[in-house]
C-alpha atoms as a PDB file:
ATOM      1  CA  MET A   1     -50.358  81.086 -40.150  1.00  0.00           C
ATOM      2  CA  ILE A   2     -50.399  83.784 -42.813  1.00  0.00           C
ATOM      3  CA  VAL A   3     -52.011  83.102 -46.183  1.00  0.00           C
ATOM      4  CA  ALA A   4     -52.306  85.427 -49.185  1.00  0.00           C
ATOM      5  CA  MET A   5     -55.512  84.895 -51.136  1.00  0.00           C
ATOM      6  CA  HIS A   6     -57.554  86.758 -53.676  1.00  0.00           C
ATOM      7  CA  ASP A   7     -60.813  84.835 -53.324  1.00  0.00           C
ATOM      8  CA  LEU A   8     -62.768  87.070 -50.975  1.00  0.00           C
ATOM      9  CA  ASN A   9     -65.445  84.447 -50.334  1.00  0.00           C
ATOM     10  CA  LEU A  10     -62.823  81.969 -49.097  1.00  0.00           C
ATOM     11  CA  ALA A  11     -61.319  84.655 -46.881  1.00  0.00           C
ATOM     12  CA  LEU A  12     -64.766  85.538 -45.549  1.00  0.00           C
ATOM     13  CA  ARG A  13     -65.537  81.912 -44.779  1.00  0.00           C
ATOM     14  CA  TYR A  14     -62.256  80.600 -43.332  1.00  0.00           C
ATOM     15  CA  ALA A  15     -60.033  83.441 -42.098  1.00  0.00           C
ATOM     16  CA  ASP A  16     -59.926  84.578 -38.479  1.00  0.00           C
ATOM     17  CA  LYS A  17     -58.526  87.989 -39.483  1.00  0.00           C
ATOM     18  CA  VAL A  18     -58.241  89.783 -42.830  1.00  0.00           C
ATOM     19  CA  LEU A  19     -55.773  92.455 -43.929  1.00  0.00           C
ATOM     20  CA  MET A  20     -57.051  94.415 -46.947  1.00  0.00           C
ATOM     21  CA  LEU A  21     -54.473  96.398 -48.901  1.00  0.00           C
ATOM     22  CA  LYS A  22     -54.901  99.405 -51.192  1.00  0.00           C
ATOM     23  CA  ASN A  23     -52.189 101.420 -52.959  1.00  0.00           C
ATOM     24  CA  LYS A  24     -49.339  99.588 -51.183  1.00  0.00           C
ATOM     25  CA  GLY A  25     -50.811 100.347 -47.749  1.00  0.00           C
ATOM     26  CA  ILE A  26     -53.171  98.874 -45.198  1.00  0.00           C
ATOM     27  CA  TYR A  27     -56.797  99.717 -45.975  1.00  0.00           C
ATOM     28  CA  ALA A  28     -58.446  97.675 -43.197  1.00  0.00           C
ATOM     29  CA  TYR A  29     -57.661  94.920 -40.709  1.00  0.00           C
ATOM     30  CA  GLY A  30     -59.937  92.838 -38.527  1.00  0.00           C
ATOM     31  CA  ARG A  31     -62.622  90.169 -38.588  1.00  0.00           C
ATOM     32  CA  PRO A  32     -63.608  89.218 -42.139  1.00  0.00           C
ATOM     33  CA  GLU A  33     -67.237  90.246 -41.648  1.00  0.00           C
ATOM     34  CA  ASP A  34     -66.073  93.686 -40.471  1.00  0.00           C
ATOM     35  CA  VAL A  35     -63.439  94.236 -43.192  1.00  0.00           C
ATOM     36  CA  LEU A  36     -65.029  92.674 -46.278  1.00  0.00           C
ATOM     37  CA  THR A  37     -67.979  95.015 -46.661  1.00  0.00           C
ATOM     38  CA  SER A  38     -69.686  96.228 -49.828  1.00  0.00           C
ATOM     39  CA  GLU A  39     -68.211  99.675 -49.217  1.00  0.00           C
ATOM     40  CA  ALA A  40     -64.659  98.367 -48.792  1.00  0.00           C
ATOM     41  CA  ILE A  41     -64.923  96.127 -51.867  1.00  0.00           C
ATOM     42  CA  HIS A  42     -66.099  99.088 -53.928  1.00  0.00           C
ATOM     43  CA  ASP A  43     -63.378 101.386 -52.605  1.00  0.00           C
ATOM     44  CA  VAL A  44     -60.530  98.892 -53.102  1.00  0.00           C
ATOM     45  CA  TYR A  45     -61.636  96.953 -56.211  1.00  0.00           C
ATOM     46  CA  GLY A  46     -64.140  99.303 -57.867  1.00  0.00           C
ATOM     47  CA  VAL A  47     -66.850  96.626 -57.849  1.00  0.00           C
ATOM     48  CA  GLU A  48     -70.395  96.921 -56.520  1.00  0.00           C
ATOM     49  CA  SER A  49     -71.433  93.885 -54.504  1.00  0.00           C
ATOM     50  CA  TYR A  50     -74.030  92.443 -52.191  1.00  0.00           C
ATOM     51  CA  ILE A  51     -73.138  90.688 -48.959  1.00  0.00           C
ATOM     52  CA  VAL A  52     -75.633  87.858 -48.489  1.00  0.00           C
ATOM     53  CA  ARG A  53     -76.188  85.791 -45.347  1.00  0.00           C
ATOM     54  CA  ASN A  54     -77.810  82.368 -45.440  1.00  0.00           C
ATOM     55  CA  ASP A  55     -77.670  79.203 -43.350  1.00  0.00           C
ATOM     56  CA  ARG A  56     -74.137  78.485 -44.669  1.00  0.00           C
ATOM     57  CA  GLY A  57     -72.703  81.899 -43.747  1.00  0.00           C
ATOM     58  CA  LEU A  58     -71.849  85.135 -45.538  1.00  0.00           C
ATOM     59  CA  PHE A  59     -71.189  85.391 -49.281  1.00  0.00           C
ATOM     60  CA  ILE A  60     -70.008  88.235 -51.504  1.00  0.00           C
ATOM     61  CA  LEU A  61     -71.939  88.594 -54.766  1.00  0.00           C
ATOM     62  CA  PRO A  62     -70.371  91.118 -57.178  1.00  0.00           C
ATOM     63  CA  TYR A  63     -72.739  92.660 -59.705  1.00  0.00           C
ATOM     64  CA  GLU A  64     -71.172  95.686 -61.408  1.00  0.00           C
ATOM     65  CA  SER A  65     -67.776  97.279 -61.956  1.00  0.00           C
ATOM     66  CA  SER A  66     -67.165 100.990 -61.378  1.00  0.00           C
ATOM     67  CA  GLU A  67     -67.219 101.430 -65.179  1.00  0.00           C
ATOM     68  CA  GLY A  68     -70.886 100.441 -65.124  1.00  0.00           C
ATOM     69  CA  THR A  69     -70.390  97.071 -66.799  1.00  0.00           C
ATOM     70  CA  SER A  70     -71.705  93.808 -65.467  1.00  0.00           C
ATOM     71  CA  VAL A  71     -69.021  91.585 -63.930  1.00  0.00           C
ATOM     72  CA  GLU A  72     -70.154  88.774 -66.264  1.00  0.00           C
ATOM     73  CA  GLU A  73     -69.150  90.717 -69.391  1.00  0.00           C
END
């Protein structure tokens, strides 16, 4: 099954494989925990983030855009 989604936390939690696109091309493909890294999220979306692991799994926590503004603003 192929599903297009924009919620990276859902992709990280439920997908077997992730295909990340940038500028109409493939940026990365593989296991979610290998593809959805802080570096990749910054490069593709321009957002700084933490990847946090707890007893429920991995979670992406964005904290700042590349313009230097908080993601809450």
